[in-house]
């Protein structure tokens, strides 16, 4: 019924037609109720987790984007190239520290959003 690869905790337990069916397919096909599947990720929960991961890794995206802009356009500008280089260098050095310092908060918020 389902062609996805999930860990074992994402499958509905039991015998019969519910055997080896993931919780999302079981709920969508009427084989299980939402109340019977606490491990189901609702759409609100999926959006909240996606937002959490986006906030966690956006600094790396902006740094990569900044370096790409610097190497493609920024080196030819007289004053701005030095300023942009210094800002990118500072952000590149600060990003791992901020990423490491925010890991505890990220793990706590992720634990709240994990069914």
N, C-alpha and C. Protein backbone atom coordinates (compact mmCIF):
# COMPACT_ATOMS: atom_id res chain seq x y z
N UNK A 1 0.82 -1.19 0.00
CA UNK A 1 0.00 0.00 0.00
C UNK A 1 0.86 1.26 0.00
N UNK A 2 1.95 1.22 0.72
CA UNK A 2 2.82 2.38 0.83
C UNK A 2 4.20 2.02 0.29
N UNK A 3 4.77 2.92 -0.48
CA UNK A 3 6.08 2.64 -1.07
C UNK A 3 7.20 3.40 -0.39
N UNK A 4 6.95 3.99 0.76
CA UNK A 4 7.96 4.75 1.47
C UNK A 4 8.76 3.84 2.39
N UNK A 5 9.94 4.30 2.78
CA UNK A 5 10.78 3.59 3.74
C UNK A 5 10.76 4.35 5.05
N UNK A 6 10.11 3.78 6.05
CA UNK A 6 10.00 4.40 7.37
C UNK A 6 10.62 3.47 8.40
N UNK A 7 10.99 4.02 9.57
CA UNK A 7 11.42 3.15 10.66
C UNK A 7 10.23 2.35 11.19
N UNK A 8 10.51 1.30 11.94
CA UNK A 8 9.45 0.41 12.42
C UNK A 8 8.43 1.10 13.31
N UNK A 9 8.82 2.18 14.01
CA UNK A 9 7.85 2.83 14.88
C UNK A 9 6.80 3.63 14.11
N UNK A 10 6.94 3.75 12.79
CA UNK A 10 5.96 4.46 11.97
C UNK A 10 4.95 3.52 11.31
N UNK A 11 4.94 2.26 11.71
CA UNK A 11 3.99 1.30 11.16
C UNK A 11 2.93 0.96 12.19
N UNK A 12 1.75 0.67 11.71
CA UNK A 12 0.65 0.28 12.58
C UNK A 12 0.88 -1.17 12.98
N UNK A 13 0.71 -1.45 14.26
CA UNK A 13 0.88 -2.81 14.74
C UNK A 13 -0.42 -3.58 14.58
N UNK A 14 -0.31 -4.86 14.49
CA UNK A 14 -1.51 -5.69 14.40
C UNK A 14 -1.44 -6.64 13.23
N UNK A 15 -2.45 -7.48 13.14
CA UNK A 15 -2.55 -8.47 12.08
C UNK A 15 -3.67 -8.07 11.12
N UNK A 16 -3.75 -8.78 10.05
CA UNK A 16 -4.83 -8.53 9.10
C UNK A 16 -4.47 -7.47 8.09
N UNK A 17 -5.45 -6.66 7.68
CA UNK A 17 -5.18 -5.68 6.61
C UNK A 17 -4.26 -4.54 7.05
N UNK A 18 -4.09 -4.35 8.37
CA UNK A 18 -3.23 -3.27 8.85
C UNK A 18 -1.77 -3.69 8.96
N UNK A 19 -1.46 -4.91 8.68
CA UNK A 19 -0.10 -5.41 8.81
C UNK A 19 0.80 -4.75 7.78
N UNK A 20 1.94 -4.20 8.21
CA UNK A 20 2.94 -3.55 7.35
C UNK A 20 2.38 -2.34 6.59
N UNK A 21 1.55 -1.55 7.26
CA UNK A 21 1.01 -0.33 6.68
C UNK A 21 1.50 0.83 7.54
N UNK A 22 2.03 1.86 6.91
CA UNK A 22 2.49 3.02 7.68
C UNK A 22 1.27 3.77 8.23
N UNK A 23 1.49 4.56 9.26
CA UNK A 23 0.38 5.21 9.93
C UNK A 23 -0.33 6.21 9.02
N UNK A 24 0.40 6.92 8.16
CA UNK A 24 -0.25 7.88 7.28
C UNK A 24 -1.19 7.18 6.30
N UNK A 25 -0.73 6.09 5.68
CA UNK A 25 -1.60 5.35 4.76
C UNK A 25 -2.77 4.70 5.49
N UNK A 26 -2.53 4.25 6.71
CA UNK A 26 -3.61 3.63 7.48
C UNK A 26 -4.70 4.64 7.80
N UNK A 27 -4.33 5.85 8.16
CA UNK A 27 -5.32 6.88 8.46
C UNK A 27 -6.02 7.33 7.18
N UNK A 28 -5.28 7.51 6.11
CA UNK A 28 -5.88 7.97 4.85
C UNK A 28 -6.82 6.94 4.24
N UNK A 29 -6.57 5.66 4.44
CA UNK A 29 -7.40 4.61 3.86
C UNK A 29 -8.43 4.05 4.83
N UNK A 30 -8.55 4.63 6.01
CA UNK A 30 -9.57 4.23 6.95
C UNK A 30 -9.26 2.96 7.72
N UNK A 31 -8.01 2.53 7.75
CA UNK A 31 -7.65 1.33 8.49
C UNK A 31 -7.37 1.62 9.97
N UNK A 32 -7.16 2.88 10.31
CA UNK A 32 -6.90 3.25 11.70
C UNK A 32 -7.42 4.66 11.93
N UNK A 33 -7.76 4.96 13.17
CA UNK A 33 -8.19 6.30 13.54
C UNK A 33 -6.98 7.14 13.94
N UNK A 34 -7.15 8.46 13.88
CA UNK A 34 -6.07 9.35 14.30
C UNK A 34 -5.73 9.17 15.77
N UNK A 35 -6.73 8.87 16.58
CA UNK A 35 -6.50 8.68 18.01
C UNK A 35 -5.71 7.40 18.30
N UNK A 36 -5.81 6.42 17.41
CA UNK A 36 -5.11 5.15 17.60
C UNK A 36 -3.65 5.21 17.14
N UNK A 37 -3.27 6.27 16.45
CA UNK A 37 -1.91 6.38 15.91
C UNK A 37 -1.25 7.65 16.45
N UNK A 38 -0.69 7.60 17.65
CA UNK A 38 -0.07 8.80 18.21
C UNK A 38 1.21 9.21 17.49
N UNK A 39 1.82 8.31 16.72
CA UNK A 39 3.06 8.65 16.04
C UNK A 39 2.83 9.33 14.70
N UNK A 40 1.56 9.60 14.34
CA UNK A 40 1.27 10.26 13.07
C UNK A 40 1.67 11.73 13.13
N UNK A 41 2.38 12.18 12.13
CA UNK A 41 2.76 13.58 12.02
C UNK A 41 1.62 14.32 11.31
N UNK A 42 0.93 15.18 12.03
CA UNK A 42 -0.13 15.97 11.40
C UNK A 42 0.51 17.06 10.53
N UNK A 43 -0.31 17.71 9.72
CA UNK A 43 0.21 18.75 8.84
C UNK A 43 0.75 19.94 9.63
N UNK A 44 0.09 20.28 10.74
CA UNK A 44 0.59 21.37 11.58
C UNK A 44 1.94 21.02 12.19
N UNK A 45 2.08 19.78 12.60
CA UNK A 45 3.34 19.32 13.19
C UNK A 45 4.45 19.30 12.14
N UNK A 46 4.13 18.91 10.94
CA UNK A 46 5.12 18.91 9.86
C UNK A 46 5.58 20.34 9.56
N UNK A 47 4.62 21.28 9.51
CA UNK A 47 4.99 22.67 9.26
C UNK A 47 5.85 23.24 10.39
N UNK A 48 5.51 22.90 11.63
CA UNK A 48 6.29 23.39 12.77
C UNK A 48 7.70 22.82 12.76
N UNK A 49 7.85 21.53 12.43
CA UNK A 49 9.18 20.94 12.36
C UNK A 49 9.99 21.52 11.20
N UNK A 50 9.35 21.76 10.06
CA UNK A 50 10.03 22.35 8.92
C UNK A 50 10.51 23.77 9.26
N UNK A 51 9.67 24.52 9.96
CA UNK A 51 10.05 25.86 10.39
C UNK A 51 11.23 25.82 11.36
N UNK A 52 11.22 24.85 12.25
CA UNK A 52 12.31 24.71 13.21
C UNK A 52 13.64 24.41 12.51
N UNK A 53 13.61 23.49 11.57
CA UNK A 53 14.83 23.16 10.83
C UNK A 53 15.27 24.32 9.93
N UNK A 54 14.31 25.07 9.39
CA UNK A 54 14.65 26.22 8.57
C UNK A 54 15.36 27.28 9.40
N UNK A 55 14.84 27.55 10.59
CA UNK A 55 15.50 28.53 11.46
C UNK A 55 16.88 28.05 11.89
N UNK A 56 17.04 26.76 12.06
CA UNK A 56 18.32 26.21 12.51
C UNK A 56 19.42 26.37 11.47
N UNK A 57 19.09 26.12 10.21
CA UNK A 57 20.10 26.07 9.16
C UNK A 57 20.10 27.28 8.22
N UNK A 58 19.31 28.30 8.49
CA UNK A 58 19.26 29.45 7.58
C UNK A 58 20.56 30.25 7.59
N UNK A 59 21.26 30.28 8.70
CA UNK A 59 22.51 31.03 8.74
C UNK A 59 23.53 30.44 7.77
N UNK A 60 23.55 29.12 7.64
CA UNK A 60 24.49 28.48 6.70
C UNK A 60 24.11 28.80 5.26
N UNK A 61 22.81 28.86 4.99
CA UNK A 61 22.36 29.20 3.65
C UNK A 61 22.77 30.63 3.30
N UNK A 62 22.56 31.56 4.23
CA UNK A 62 22.91 32.95 3.95
C UNK A 62 24.42 33.14 3.79
N UNK A 63 25.20 32.43 4.56
CA UNK A 63 26.66 32.53 4.40
C UNK A 63 27.09 31.99 3.05
N UNK A 64 26.56 30.85 2.66
CA UNK A 64 26.90 30.28 1.35
C UNK A 64 26.45 31.22 0.23
N UNK A 65 25.27 31.79 0.36
CA UNK A 65 24.77 32.73 -0.63
C UNK A 65 25.63 33.98 -0.67
N UNK A 66 26.04 34.46 0.49
CA UNK A 66 26.90 35.65 0.56
C UNK A 66 28.24 35.43 -0.09
N UNK A 67 28.86 34.26 0.18
CA UNK A 67 30.16 33.98 -0.45
C UNK A 67 30.01 33.83 -1.96
N UNK A 68 28.91 33.24 -2.38
CA UNK A 68 28.67 33.11 -3.83
C UNK A 68 28.55 34.49 -4.48
N UNK A 69 27.80 35.38 -3.84
CA UNK A 69 27.68 36.74 -4.37
C UNK A 69 29.02 37.46 -4.36
N UNK A 70 29.77 37.25 -3.31
CA UNK A 70 31.07 37.93 -3.21
C UNK A 70 32.01 37.48 -4.32
N UNK A 71 32.09 36.17 -4.53
CA UNK A 71 33.02 35.68 -5.55
C UNK A 71 32.53 35.95 -6.97
N UNK A 72 31.23 36.11 -7.16
CA UNK A 72 30.75 36.36 -8.52
C UNK A 72 30.65 37.85 -8.85
N UNK A 73 30.20 38.70 -7.91
CA UNK A 73 30.01 40.12 -8.20
C UNK A 73 30.81 41.05 -7.30
N UNK A 74 31.05 40.65 -6.06
CA UNK A 74 31.52 41.58 -5.05
C UNK A 74 32.98 41.97 -5.11
N UNK A 75 33.81 41.21 -5.75
CA UNK A 75 35.24 41.54 -5.74
C UNK A 75 35.58 42.74 -6.61
N UNK A 76 34.76 43.09 -7.55
CA UNK A 76 35.07 44.19 -8.46
C UNK A 76 34.70 45.56 -7.92
N UNK A 77 33.96 45.64 -6.83
CA UNK A 77 33.53 46.93 -6.29
C UNK A 77 34.60 47.43 -5.32
N UNK A 78 34.97 48.70 -5.44
CA UNK A 78 36.12 49.22 -4.70
C UNK A 78 35.97 49.11 -3.18
N UNK A 79 35.13 49.92 -2.59
CA UNK A 79 35.01 49.97 -1.12
C UNK A 79 34.16 48.83 -0.59
N UNK A 80 33.10 48.51 -1.31
CA UNK A 80 32.15 47.52 -0.80
C UNK A 80 32.74 46.11 -0.76
N UNK A 81 33.70 45.81 -1.60
CA UNK A 81 34.27 44.47 -1.59
C UNK A 81 34.99 44.20 -0.27
N UNK A 82 35.68 45.17 0.28
CA UNK A 82 36.37 44.99 1.56
C UNK A 82 35.36 44.85 2.69
N UNK A 83 34.34 45.69 2.67
CA UNK A 83 33.31 45.62 3.72
C UNK A 83 32.58 44.30 3.64
N UNK A 84 32.17 43.89 2.45
CA UNK A 84 31.47 42.63 2.29
C UNK A 84 32.35 41.45 2.71
N UNK A 85 33.63 41.51 2.36
CA UNK A 85 34.55 40.44 2.76
C UNK A 85 34.66 40.34 4.27
N UNK A 86 34.79 41.47 4.95
CA UNK A 86 34.92 41.46 6.41
C UNK A 86 33.65 40.96 7.09
N UNK A 87 32.50 41.37 6.58
CA UNK A 87 31.23 40.90 7.15
C UNK A 87 31.07 39.40 6.94
N UNK A 88 31.38 38.93 5.75
CA UNK A 88 31.28 37.49 5.48
C UNK A 88 32.27 36.69 6.31
N UNK A 89 33.46 37.21 6.48
CA UNK A 89 34.46 36.53 7.30
C UNK A 89 34.01 36.45 8.75
N UNK A 90 33.48 37.55 9.27
CA UNK A 90 32.97 37.56 10.64
C UNK A 90 31.80 36.60 10.81
N UNK A 91 30.88 36.60 9.87
CA UNK A 91 29.74 35.69 9.94
C UNK A 91 30.17 34.23 9.82
N UNK A 92 31.14 33.97 8.96
CA UNK A 92 31.63 32.60 8.79
C UNK A 92 32.30 32.10 10.06
N UNK A 93 33.01 32.96 10.75
CA UNK A 93 33.64 32.55 12.00
C UNK A 93 32.64 32.43 13.15
N UNK A 94 31.60 33.25 13.14
CA UNK A 94 30.61 33.22 14.22
C UNK A 94 29.56 32.12 14.04
N UNK A 95 29.32 31.69 12.83
CA UNK A 95 28.25 30.72 12.56
C UNK A 95 28.43 29.39 13.29
N UNK A 96 29.61 28.76 13.29
CA UNK A 96 29.73 27.49 14.03
C UNK A 96 29.51 27.66 15.52
N UNK A 97 29.95 28.79 16.06
CA UNK A 97 29.75 29.03 17.50
C UNK A 97 28.27 29.18 17.80
N UNK A 98 27.57 29.98 17.01
CA UNK A 98 26.14 30.16 17.22
C UNK A 98 25.37 28.86 16.99
N UNK A 99 25.81 28.09 16.00
CA UNK A 99 25.16 26.81 15.72
C UNK A 99 25.32 25.86 16.91
N UNK A 100 26.51 25.82 17.48
CA UNK A 100 26.78 24.94 18.61
C UNK A 100 26.02 25.42 19.86
N UNK A 101 25.99 26.72 20.09
CA UNK A 101 25.31 27.25 21.27
C UNK A 101 23.79 27.07 21.19
N UNK A 102 23.24 27.02 19.99
CA UNK A 102 21.80 26.85 19.83
C UNK A 102 21.35 25.41 19.75
N UNK A 103 22.28 24.46 19.86
CA UNK A 103 21.91 23.05 19.67
C UNK A 103 21.03 22.54 20.81
N UNK A 104 21.24 23.00 22.03
CA UNK A 104 20.41 22.52 23.14
C UNK A 104 18.98 22.99 22.99
N UNK A 105 18.81 24.26 22.65
CA UNK A 105 17.46 24.78 22.45
C UNK A 105 16.77 24.09 21.27
N UNK A 106 17.53 23.86 20.20
CA UNK A 106 16.97 23.18 19.04
C UNK A 106 16.51 21.77 19.41
N UNK A 107 17.34 21.02 20.13
CA UNK A 107 16.96 19.67 20.53
C UNK A 107 15.75 19.66 21.46
N UNK A 108 15.64 20.67 22.34
CA UNK A 108 14.48 20.74 23.23
C UNK A 108 13.20 21.03 22.44
N UNK A 109 13.28 21.96 21.49
CA UNK A 109 12.10 22.27 20.69
C UNK A 109 11.74 21.10 19.77
N UNK A 110 12.75 20.39 19.27
CA UNK A 110 12.48 19.23 18.43
C UNK A 110 11.83 18.11 19.23
N UNK A 111 12.25 17.94 20.47
CA UNK A 111 11.64 16.92 21.33
C UNK A 111 10.17 17.24 21.60
N UNK A 112 9.84 18.53 21.71
CA UNK A 112 8.43 18.92 21.89
C UNK A 112 7.59 18.63 20.66
N UNK A 113 8.23 18.70 19.49
CA UNK A 113 7.50 18.50 18.24
C UNK A 113 7.57 17.08 17.71
N UNK A 114 8.14 16.17 18.49
CA UNK A 114 8.23 14.78 18.05
C UNK A 114 7.12 13.99 18.73
N UNK A 115 6.29 13.33 17.96
CA UNK A 115 5.19 12.56 18.60
C UNK A 115 5.70 11.33 19.31
